[in-house]
Amino acid sequence: MIKASAPHLVWAFGHFLTFIAGVRYLIASATFSWTGYDLWYKFAYFGAIISYGVVIYKSFGVPRTDRAYVQRALMDENVQYLAIAIYWSWIKPISIIPATRSADGTTQVAGGNASKFIQTWVKENYDRAMRFVSYAEVAIFARVFVGALLLRNSLIAPLLYAHFLRLRFYMSSFTRAAFQHVRSELDGLTQSPTCPPVVRKGYLTLTDLVSRYASTVLSINQEHAGGPTAVPSTASPAADAKGGKAR
């Protein structure tokens, strides 16, 4: 008989709900059957919120309001993804299929060959899934940025998501690698003789603005006994992408 802890069952239910609702939303988008599609959209993110909530509870325990707890929680990637999932579920649906990340290593499963198989499968496919998610994050930002310019989504969406990506850039080697690869491809395209000078100039201005925006970052200072603190860093994304350490 397969046994699992109650938090793991809730975590698994969140993943199942996200998967089912995401597939249903994908079918609605592909067939232009928009009746009730916004409900499936919210269900997908509701499942993600459940899963991330369980992971955060297992990692940090009962939420507290003291400064050390809040600072440590804000630097955790699961808290960041929980916040962005809550925001996406709150705003008007955007035509991007939602996804959730695995909680590998954060929940405990007791007994059963099935649970061992799931854990092994997750570990074997973790890097591949994280690379896909990192490129998806870049694509999502492009979508909400263009959507804001065309007034197809909220102007707050690209600003909030840019801050989220800034944290992901400094905390995830997968996100840094995705940004570095996308930038190298764009550099090659804009340096082509066929690229109009105005486009090249606009691209350089945009990359400069992005570098300036990402020039400060919050990091955990492990040397202080009182807990993590926020310290500024002046490293540029380009430099950190080459020399940054994996999370």
C-alpha atoms as a PDB file:
ATOM      1  CA  MET A   1       0.000   0.000   0.000  1.00  0.00           C
ATOM      2  CA  ILE A   2       1.334   3.419  -0.975  1.00  0.00           C
ATOM      3  CA  LYS A   3       1.546   5.860   1.929  1.00  0.00           C
ATOM      4  CA  ALA A   4       2.125   9.583   1.649  1.00  0.00           C
ATOM      5  CA  SER A   5       1.985  12.504   4.033  1.00  0.00           C
ATOM      6  CA  ALA A   6      -0.987  14.865   3.936  1.00  0.00           C
ATOM      7  CA  PRO A   7       1.109  17.841   2.679  1.00  0.00           C
ATOM      8  CA  HIS A   8       2.417  15.698  -0.184  1.00  0.00           C
ATOM      9  CA  LEU A   9      -1.107  14.717  -1.189  1.00  0.00           C
ATOM     10  CA  VAL A  10      -2.180  18.371  -1.221  1.00  0.00           C
ATOM     11  CA  TRP A  11       0.966  19.265  -3.210  1.00  0.00           C
ATOM     12  CA  ALA A  12       0.187  16.491  -5.727  1.00  0.00           C
ATOM     13  CA  PHE A  13      -3.430  17.668  -6.003  1.00  0.00           C
ATOM     14  CA  GLY A  14      -2.197  21.160  -6.853  1.00  0.00           C
ATOM     15  CA  HIS A  15      -0.035  19.778  -9.647  1.00  0.00           C
ATOM     16  CA  PHE A  16      -2.893  17.622 -10.923  1.00  0.00           C
ATOM     17  CA  LEU A  17      -5.279  20.583 -10.933  1.00  0.00           C
ATOM     18  CA  THR A  18      -2.742  22.763 -12.771  1.00  0.00           C
ATOM     19  CA  PHE A  19      -2.160  20.053 -15.383  1.00  0.00           C
ATOM     20  CA  ILE A  20      -5.848  19.306 -16.030  1.00  0.00           C
ATOM     21  CA  ALA A  21      -6.868  22.969 -16.100  1.00  0.00           C
ATOM     22  CA  GLY A  22      -3.857  23.882 -18.255  1.00  0.00           C
ATOM     23  CA  VAL A  23      -4.704  21.187 -20.817  1.00  0.00           C
ATOM     24  CA  ARG A  24      -8.340  22.287 -20.846  1.00  0.00           C
ATOM     25  CA  TYR A  25      -7.288  25.908 -21.347  1.00  0.00           C
ATOM     26  CA  LEU A  26      -4.937  24.860 -24.159  1.00  0.00           C
ATOM     27  CA  ILE A  27      -7.778  23.014 -25.902  1.00  0.00           C
ATOM     28  CA  ALA A  28     -10.043  26.045 -25.523  1.00  0.00           C
ATOM     29  CA  SER A  29      -7.351  28.300 -27.003  1.00  0.00           C
ATOM     30  CA  ALA A  30      -6.634  25.951 -29.913  1.00  0.00           C
ATOM     31  CA  THR A  31     -10.305  25.485 -30.805  1.00  0.00           C
ATOM     32  CA  PHE A  32     -11.375  29.081 -30.036  1.00  0.00           C
ATOM     33  CA  SER A  33     -13.964  27.730 -27.604  1.00  0.00           C
ATOM     34  CA  TRP A  34     -13.843  30.600 -25.167  1.00  0.00           C
ATOM     35  CA  THR A  35     -16.837  29.621 -23.030  1.00  0.00           C
ATOM     36  CA  GLY A  36     -15.558  29.182 -19.510  1.00  0.00           C
ATOM     37  CA  TYR A  37     -11.893  29.396 -20.541  1.00  0.00           C
ATOM     38  CA  ASP A  38     -11.186  32.082 -17.935  1.00  0.00           C
ATOM     39  CA  LEU A  39     -12.353  29.691 -15.218  1.00  0.00           C
ATOM     40  CA  TRP A  40      -9.847  27.023 -16.337  1.00  0.00           C
ATOM     41  CA  TYR A  41      -7.179  29.727 -16.463  1.00  0.00           C
ATOM     42  CA  LYS A  42      -7.796  30.590 -12.812  1.00  0.00           C
ATOM     43  CA  PHE A  43      -8.034  26.931 -11.802  1.00  0.00           C
ATOM     44  CA  ALA A  44      -4.597  26.302 -13.311  1.00  0.00           C
ATOM     45  CA  TYR A  45      -3.026  29.040 -11.231  1.00  0.00           C
ATOM     46  CA  PHE A  46      -5.046  28.040  -8.179  1.00  0.00           C
ATOM     47  CA  GLY A  47      -3.404  24.611  -8.412  1.00  0.00           C
ATOM     48  CA  ALA A  48       0.013  26.258  -8.631  1.00  0.00           C
ATOM     49  CA  ILE A  49      -0.791  28.415  -5.592  1.00  0.00           C
ATOM     50  CA  ILE A  50      -1.734  25.295  -3.613  1.00  0.00           C
ATOM     51  CA  SER A  51       1.484  23.470  -4.546  1.00  0.00           C
ATOM     52  CA  TYR A  52       3.756  26.419  -3.825  1.00  0.00           C
ATOM     53  CA  GLY A  53       1.931  27.076  -0.568  1.00  0.00           C
ATOM     54  CA  VAL A  54       2.674  23.525   0.590  1.00  0.00           C
ATOM     55  CA  VAL A  55       6.327  23.799  -0.427  1.00  0.00           C
ATOM     56  CA  ILE A  56       6.729  27.107   1.414  1.00  0.00           C
ATOM     57  CA  TYR A  57       5.026  25.724   4.517  1.00  0.00           C
ATOM     58  CA  LYS A  58       7.356  22.697   4.504  1.00  0.00           C
ATOM     59  CA  SER A  59      10.382  24.983   4.086  1.00  0.00           C
ATOM     60  CA  PHE A  60       9.533  27.834   6.473  1.00  0.00           C
ATOM     61  CA  GLY A  61       6.787  26.572   8.756  1.00  0.00           C
ATOM     62  CA  VAL A  62       3.986  28.787  10.002  1.00  0.00           C
ATOM     63  CA  PRO A  63       4.297  32.311   8.509  1.00  0.00           C
ATOM     64  CA  ARG A  64       5.685  34.963  10.831  1.00  0.00           C
ATOM     65  CA  THR A  65       5.982  38.728  10.578  1.00  0.00           C
ATOM     66  CA  ASP A  66       9.505  39.196  11.963  1.00  0.00           C
ATOM     67  CA  ARG A  67      12.061  40.820   9.667  1.00  0.00           C
ATOM     68  CA  ALA A  68      14.437  37.854   9.429  1.00  0.00           C
ATOM     69  CA  TYR A  69      11.634  35.499   8.377  1.00  0.00           C
ATOM     70  CA  VAL A  70      10.284  37.906   5.755  1.00  0.00           C
ATOM     71  CA  GLN A  71      13.720  38.595   4.254  1.00  0.00           C
ATOM     72  CA  ARG A  72      14.559  34.887   4.070  1.00  0.00           C
ATOM     73  CA  ALA A  73      11.181  34.073   2.528  1.00  0.00           C
ATOM     74  CA  LEU A  74      11.398  36.818  -0.107  1.00  0.00           C
ATOM     75  CA  MET A  75      14.702  35.382  -1.332  1.00  0.00           C
ATOM     76  CA  ASP A  76      13.194  31.912  -1.817  1.00  0.00           C
ATOM     77  CA  GLU A  77      12.245  31.084  -5.403  1.00  0.00           C
ATOM     78  CA  ASN A  78       9.068  29.285  -4.363  1.00  0.00           C
ATOM     79  CA  VAL A  79       7.813  32.426  -2.628  1.00  0.00           C
ATOM     80  CA  GLN A  80       8.614  34.403  -5.773  1.00  0.00           C
ATOM     81  CA  TYR A  81       6.686  31.953  -7.942  1.00  0.00           C
ATOM     82  CA  LEU A  82       3.790  31.957  -5.484  1.00  0.00           C
ATOM     83  CA  ALA A  83       3.600  35.748  -5.715  1.00  0.00           C
ATOM     84  CA  ILE A  84       3.666  35.764  -9.520  1.00  0.00           C
ATOM     85  CA  ALA A  85       1.058  32.960  -9.646  1.00  0.00           C
ATOM     86  CA  ILE A  86      -1.258  34.974  -7.389  1.00  0.00           C
ATOM     87  CA  TYR A  87      -0.812  38.004  -9.643  1.00  0.00           C
ATOM     88  CA  TRP A  88      -1.485  36.060 -12.869  1.00  0.00           C
ATOM     89  CA  SER A  89      -4.610  34.518 -11.339  1.00  0.00           C
ATOM     90  CA  TRP A  90      -5.859  37.936 -10.275  1.00  0.00           C
ATOM     91  CA  ILE A  91      -5.529  39.823 -13.569  1.00  0.00           C
ATOM     92  CA  LYS A  92      -7.371  39.313 -16.833  1.00  0.00           C
ATOM     93  CA  PRO A  93      -6.285  36.058 -18.545  1.00  0.00           C
ATOM     94  CA  ILE A  94      -3.353  36.342 -20.948  1.00  0.00           C
ATOM     95  CA  SER A  95      -2.989  33.854 -23.793  1.00  0.00           C
ATOM     96  CA  ILE A  96      -0.058  31.971 -22.318  1.00  0.00           C
ATOM     97  CA  ILE A  97      -0.411  28.462 -20.930  1.00  0.00           C
ATOM     98  CA  PRO A  98       0.447  28.466 -17.222  1.00  0.00           C
ATOM     99  CA  ALA A  99       2.974  26.057 -15.744  1.00  0.00           C
ATOM    100  CA  THR A 100       4.271  25.134 -12.347  1.00  0.00           C
ATOM    101  CA  ARG A 101       7.619  23.931 -11.111  1.00  0.00           C
ATOM    102  CA  SER A 102       8.441  20.790  -9.242  1.00  0.00           C
ATOM    103  CA  ALA A 103       8.902  20.680  -5.495  1.00  0.00           C
ATOM    104  CA  ASP A 104      11.708  18.163  -5.730  1.00  0.00           C
ATOM    105  CA  GLY A 105      13.488  17.803  -2.433  1.00  0.00           C
ATOM    106  CA  THR A 106      10.982  19.837  -0.437  1.00  0.00           C
ATOM    107  CA  THR A 107       8.371  17.227   0.434  1.00  0.00           C
ATOM    108  CA  GLN A 108       8.672  13.789   2.005  1.00  0.00           C
ATOM    109  CA  VAL A 109       6.988  10.637   0.729  1.00  0.00           C
ATOM    110  CA  ALA A 110       6.932   7.519   2.846  1.00  0.00           C
ATOM    111  CA  GLY A 111       6.968   4.085   1.212  1.00  0.00           C
ATOM    112  CA  GLY A 112       5.766   2.713  -2.104  1.00  0.00           C
ATOM    113  CA  ASN A 113       7.471   1.946  -5.412  1.00  0.00           C
ATOM    114  CA  ALA A 114       5.302   4.506  -7.169  1.00  0.00           C
ATOM    115  CA  SER A 115       6.606   7.364  -5.019  1.00  0.00           C
ATOM    116  CA  LYS A 116      10.207   6.251  -5.617  1.00  0.00           C
ATOM    117  CA  PHE A 117       9.565   6.152  -9.354  1.00  0.00           C
ATOM    118  CA  ILE A 118       8.115   9.677  -9.284  1.00  0.00           C
ATOM    119  CA  GLN A 119      11.086  11.024  -7.320  1.00  0.00           C
ATOM    120  CA  THR A 120      13.558   9.369  -9.712  1.00  0.00           C
ATOM    121  CA  TRP A 121      11.714  10.651 -12.779  1.00  0.00           C
ATOM    122  CA  VAL A 122      11.644  14.204 -11.396  1.00  0.00           C
ATOM    123  CA  LYS A 123      15.386  14.171 -10.668  1.00  0.00           C
ATOM    124  CA  GLU A 124      16.245  12.790 -14.109  1.00  0.00           C
ATOM    125  CA  ASN A 125      14.159  15.400 -15.942  1.00  0.00           C
ATOM    126  CA  TYR A 126      14.695  18.371 -13.630  1.00  0.00           C
ATOM    127  CA  ASP A 127      17.395  20.137 -15.677  1.00  0.00           C
ATOM    128  CA  ARG A 128      15.480  19.683 -18.924  1.00  0.00           C
ATOM    129  CA  ALA A 129      12.293  21.052 -17.381  1.00  0.00           C
ATOM    130  CA  MET A 130      14.076  24.023 -15.811  1.00  0.00           C
ATOM    131  CA  ARG A 131      15.670  24.964 -19.142  1.00  0.00           C
ATOM    132  CA  PHE A 132      12.248  24.904 -20.780  1.00  0.00           C
ATOM    133  CA  VAL A 133      10.720  27.009 -17.979  1.00  0.00           C
ATOM    134  CA  SER A 134      13.564  29.552 -18.179  1.00  0.00           C
ATOM    135  CA  TYR A 135      13.043  30.140 -21.902  1.00  0.00           C
ATOM    136  CA  ALA A 136       9.288  30.269 -21.299  1.00  0.00           C
ATOM    137  CA  GLU A 137       9.866  33.013 -18.725  1.00  0.00           C
ATOM    138  CA  VAL A 138      11.740  35.092 -21.309  1.00  0.00           C
ATOM    139  CA  ALA A 139       8.958  34.525 -23.846  1.00  0.00           C
ATOM    140  CA  ILE A 140       6.302  35.500 -21.304  1.00  0.00           C
ATOM    141  CA  PHE A 141       8.080  38.770 -20.601  1.00  0.00           C
ATOM    142  CA  ALA A 142       8.213  39.540 -24.332  1.00  0.00           C
ATOM    143  CA  ARG A 143       4.479  38.785 -24.523  1.00  0.00           C
ATOM    144  CA  VAL A 144       3.445  41.049 -21.635  1.00  0.00           C
ATOM    145  CA  PHE A 145       5.841  43.810 -22.771  1.00  0.00           C
ATOM    146  CA  VAL A 146       4.423  43.881 -26.299  1.00  0.00           C
ATOM    147  CA  GLY A 147       0.921  43.479 -24.857  1.00  0.00           C
ATOM    148  CA  ALA A 148       1.439  46.564 -22.705  1.00  0.00           C
ATOM    149  CA  LEU A 149       2.614  48.585 -25.724  1.00  0.00           C
ATOM    150  CA  LEU A 150      -0.489  47.495 -27.646  1.00  0.00           C
ATOM    151  CA  LEU A 151      -2.715  48.006 -24.579  1.00  0.00           C
ATOM    152  CA  ARG A 152      -3.667  44.315 -24.613  1.00  0.00           C
ATOM    153  CA  ASN A 153      -2.759  43.805 -20.957  1.00  0.00           C
ATOM    154  CA  SER A 154      -2.054  45.861 -17.863  1.00  0.00           C
ATOM    155  CA  LEU A 155       0.924  48.240 -17.883  1.00  0.00           C
ATOM    156  CA  ILE A 156       1.784  46.938 -14.428  1.00  0.00           C
ATOM    157  CA  ALA A 157       2.279  43.375 -15.721  1.00  0.00           C
ATOM    158  CA  PRO A 158       5.638  43.916 -17.505  1.00  0.00           C
ATOM    159  CA  LEU A 159       6.951  46.034 -14.596  1.00  0.00           C
ATOM    160  CA  LEU A 160       6.101  43.420 -11.988  1.00  0.00           C
ATOM    161  CA  TYR A 161       7.331  40.575 -14.169  1.00  0.00           C
ATOM    162  CA  ALA A 162      10.580  42.419 -14.915  1.00  0.00           C
ATOM    163  CA  HIS A 163      11.289  42.625 -11.190  1.00  0.00           C
ATOM    164  CA  PHE A 164      10.488  38.926 -10.868  1.00  0.00           C
ATOM    165  CA  LEU A 165      12.888  38.084 -13.712  1.00  0.00           C
ATOM    166  CA  ARG A 166      15.607  40.234 -12.166  1.00  0.00           C
ATOM    167  CA  LEU A 167      15.491  38.079  -9.059  1.00  0.00           C
ATOM    168  CA  ARG A 168      15.396  34.902 -11.150  1.00  0.00           C
ATOM    169  CA  PHE A 169      18.408  36.089 -13.185  1.00  0.00           C
ATOM    170  CA  TYR A 170      20.622  36.366 -10.130  1.00  0.00           C
ATOM    171  CA  MET A 171      19.312  33.275  -8.350  1.00  0.00           C
ATOM    172  CA  SER A 172      18.947  30.734 -11.179  1.00  0.00           C
ATOM    173  CA  SER A 173      21.685  29.529 -13.502  1.00  0.00           C
ATOM    174  CA  PHE A 174      18.996  28.317 -15.907  1.00  0.00           C
ATOM    175  CA  THR A 175      17.502  31.797 -16.232  1.00  0.00           C
ATOM    176  CA  ARG A 176      20.945  33.360 -16.722  1.00  0.00           C
ATOM    177  CA  ALA A 177      21.754  30.843 -19.441  1.00  0.00           C
ATOM    178  CA  ALA A 178      18.446  31.536 -21.199  1.00  0.00           C
ATOM    179  CA  PHE A 179      19.007  35.305 -21.147  1.00  0.00           C
ATOM    180  CA  GLN A 180      22.587  34.916 -22.327  1.00  0.00           C
ATOM    181  CA  HIS A 181      21.535  32.705 -25.245  1.00  0.00           C
ATOM    182  CA  VAL A 182      18.651  34.984 -26.276  1.00  0.00           C
ATOM    183  CA  ARG A 183      20.908  38.050 -26.109  1.00  0.00           C
ATOM    184  CA  SER A 184      23.613  36.390 -28.219  1.00  0.00           C
ATOM    185  CA  GLU A 185      20.995  35.549 -30.859  1.00  0.00           C
ATOM    186  CA  LEU A 186      19.636  39.111 -30.848  1.00  0.00           C
ATOM    187  CA  ASP A 187      23.182  40.526 -31.002  1.00  0.00           C
ATOM    188  CA  GLY A 188      23.814  38.480 -34.123  1.00  0.00           C
ATOM    189  CA  LEU A 189      20.591  39.627 -35.763  1.00  0.00           C
ATOM    190  CA  THR A 190      21.085  43.313 -34.990  1.00  0.00           C
ATOM    191  CA  GLN A 191      24.728  43.263 -36.096  1.00  0.00           C
ATOM    192  CA  SER A 192      23.748  41.942 -39.516  1.00  0.00           C
ATOM    193  CA  PRO A 193      24.313  44.397 -42.415  1.00  0.00           C
ATOM    194  CA  THR A 194      20.656  43.987 -43.350  1.00  0.00           C
ATOM    195  CA  CYS A 195      19.488  45.285 -39.965  1.00  0.00           C
ATOM    196  CA  PRO A 196      18.294  48.928 -40.173  1.00  0.00           C
ATOM    197  CA  PRO A 197      20.430  51.321 -38.090  1.00  0.00           C
ATOM    198  CA  VAL A 198      17.391  52.585 -36.196  1.00  0.00           C
ATOM    199  CA  VAL A 199      16.599  49.038 -35.067  1.00  0.00           C
ATOM    200  CA  ARG A 200      20.193  48.496 -33.964  1.00  0.00           C
ATOM    201  CA  LYS A 201      20.187  51.764 -32.040  1.00  0.00           C
ATOM    202  CA  GLY A 202      16.884  50.929 -30.363  1.00  0.00           C
ATOM    203  CA  TYR A 203      18.169  47.486 -29.409  1.00  0.00           C
ATOM    204  CA  LEU A 204      21.343  48.923 -27.834  1.00  0.00           C
ATOM    205  CA  THR A 205      19.285  51.461 -25.903  1.00  0.00           C
ATOM    206  CA  LEU A 206      16.960  48.752 -24.648  1.00  0.00           C
ATOM    207  CA  THR A 207      19.781  46.462 -23.526  1.00  0.00           C
ATOM    208  CA  ASP A 208      21.437  49.371 -21.746  1.00  0.00           C
ATOM    209  CA  LEU A 209      18.213  50.148 -19.885  1.00  0.00           C
ATOM    210  CA  VAL A 210      17.804  46.499 -18.925  1.00  0.00           C
ATOM    211  CA  SER A 211      21.391  46.340 -17.631  1.00  0.00           C
ATOM    212  CA  ARG A 212      20.887  49.483 -15.576  1.00  0.00           C
ATOM    213  CA  TYR A 213      17.617  48.191 -14.127  1.00  0.00           C
ATOM    214  CA  ALA A 214      19.204  44.900 -13.122  1.00  0.00           C
ATOM    215  CA  SER A 215      22.362  46.473 -11.692  1.00  0.00           C
ATOM    216  CA  THR A 216      21.152  46.130  -8.094  1.00  0.00           C
ATOM    217  CA  VAL A 217      20.026  42.858  -6.612  1.00  0.00           C
ATOM    218  CA  LEU A 218      19.060  41.431  -3.258  1.00  0.00           C
ATOM    219  CA  SER A 219      21.271  38.643  -1.985  1.00  0.00           C
ATOM    220  CA  ILE A 220      21.446  36.648   1.193  1.00  0.00           C
ATOM    221  CA  ASN A 221      24.327  37.485   3.503  1.00  0.00           C
ATOM    222  CA  GLN A 222      25.075  34.247   5.323  1.00  0.00           C
ATOM    223  CA  GLU A 223      27.709  35.813   7.571  1.00  0.00           C
ATOM    224  CA  HIS A 224      25.236  37.597   9.842  1.00  0.00           C
ATOM    225  CA  ALA A 225      23.946  35.482  12.675  1.00  0.00           C
ATOM    226  CA  GLY A 226      20.758  37.495  12.857  1.00  0.00           C
ATOM    227  CA  GLY A 227      19.600  36.187   9.473  1.00  0.00           C
ATOM    228  CA  PRO A 228      19.811  37.229   5.820  1.00  0.00           C
ATOM    229  CA  THR A 229      20.131  40.878   4.906  1.00  0.00           C
ATOM    230  CA  ALA A 230      19.655  42.826   1.719  1.00  0.00           C
ATOM    231  CA  VAL A 231      22.889  44.102   0.199  1.00  0.00           C
ATOM    232  CA  PRO A 232      23.328  46.011  -3.061  1.00  0.00           C
ATOM    233  CA  SER A 233      25.377  44.646  -5.916  1.00  0.00           C
ATOM    234  CA  THR A 234      26.657  46.616  -8.869  1.00  0.00           C
ATOM    235  CA  ALA A 235      27.337  43.625 -11.096  1.00  0.00           C
ATOM    236  CA  SER A 236      25.785  43.867 -14.542  1.00  0.00           C
ATOM    237  CA  PRO A 237      23.640  41.031 -15.946  1.00  0.00           C
ATOM    238  CA  ALA A 238      26.124  40.419 -18.741  1.00  0.00           C
ATOM    239  CA  ALA A 239      29.030  40.045 -16.337  1.00  0.00           C
ATOM    240  CA  ASP A 240      27.067  37.970 -13.870  1.00  0.00           C
ATOM    241  CA  ALA A 241      25.808  35.681 -16.629  1.00  0.00           C
ATOM    242  CA  LYS A 242      29.413  34.728 -17.325  1.00  0.00           C
ATOM    243  CA  GLY A 243      30.668  34.463 -13.768  1.00  0.00           C
ATOM    244  CA  GLY A 244      27.539  33.776 -11.699  1.00  0.00           C
ATOM    245  CA  LYS A 245      27.266  30.634  -9.682  1.00  0.00           C
ATOM    246  CA  ALA A 246      24.432  28.166 -10.035  1.00  0.00           C
ATOM    247  CA  ARG A 247      21.780  28.216  -7.399  1.00  0.00           C
END
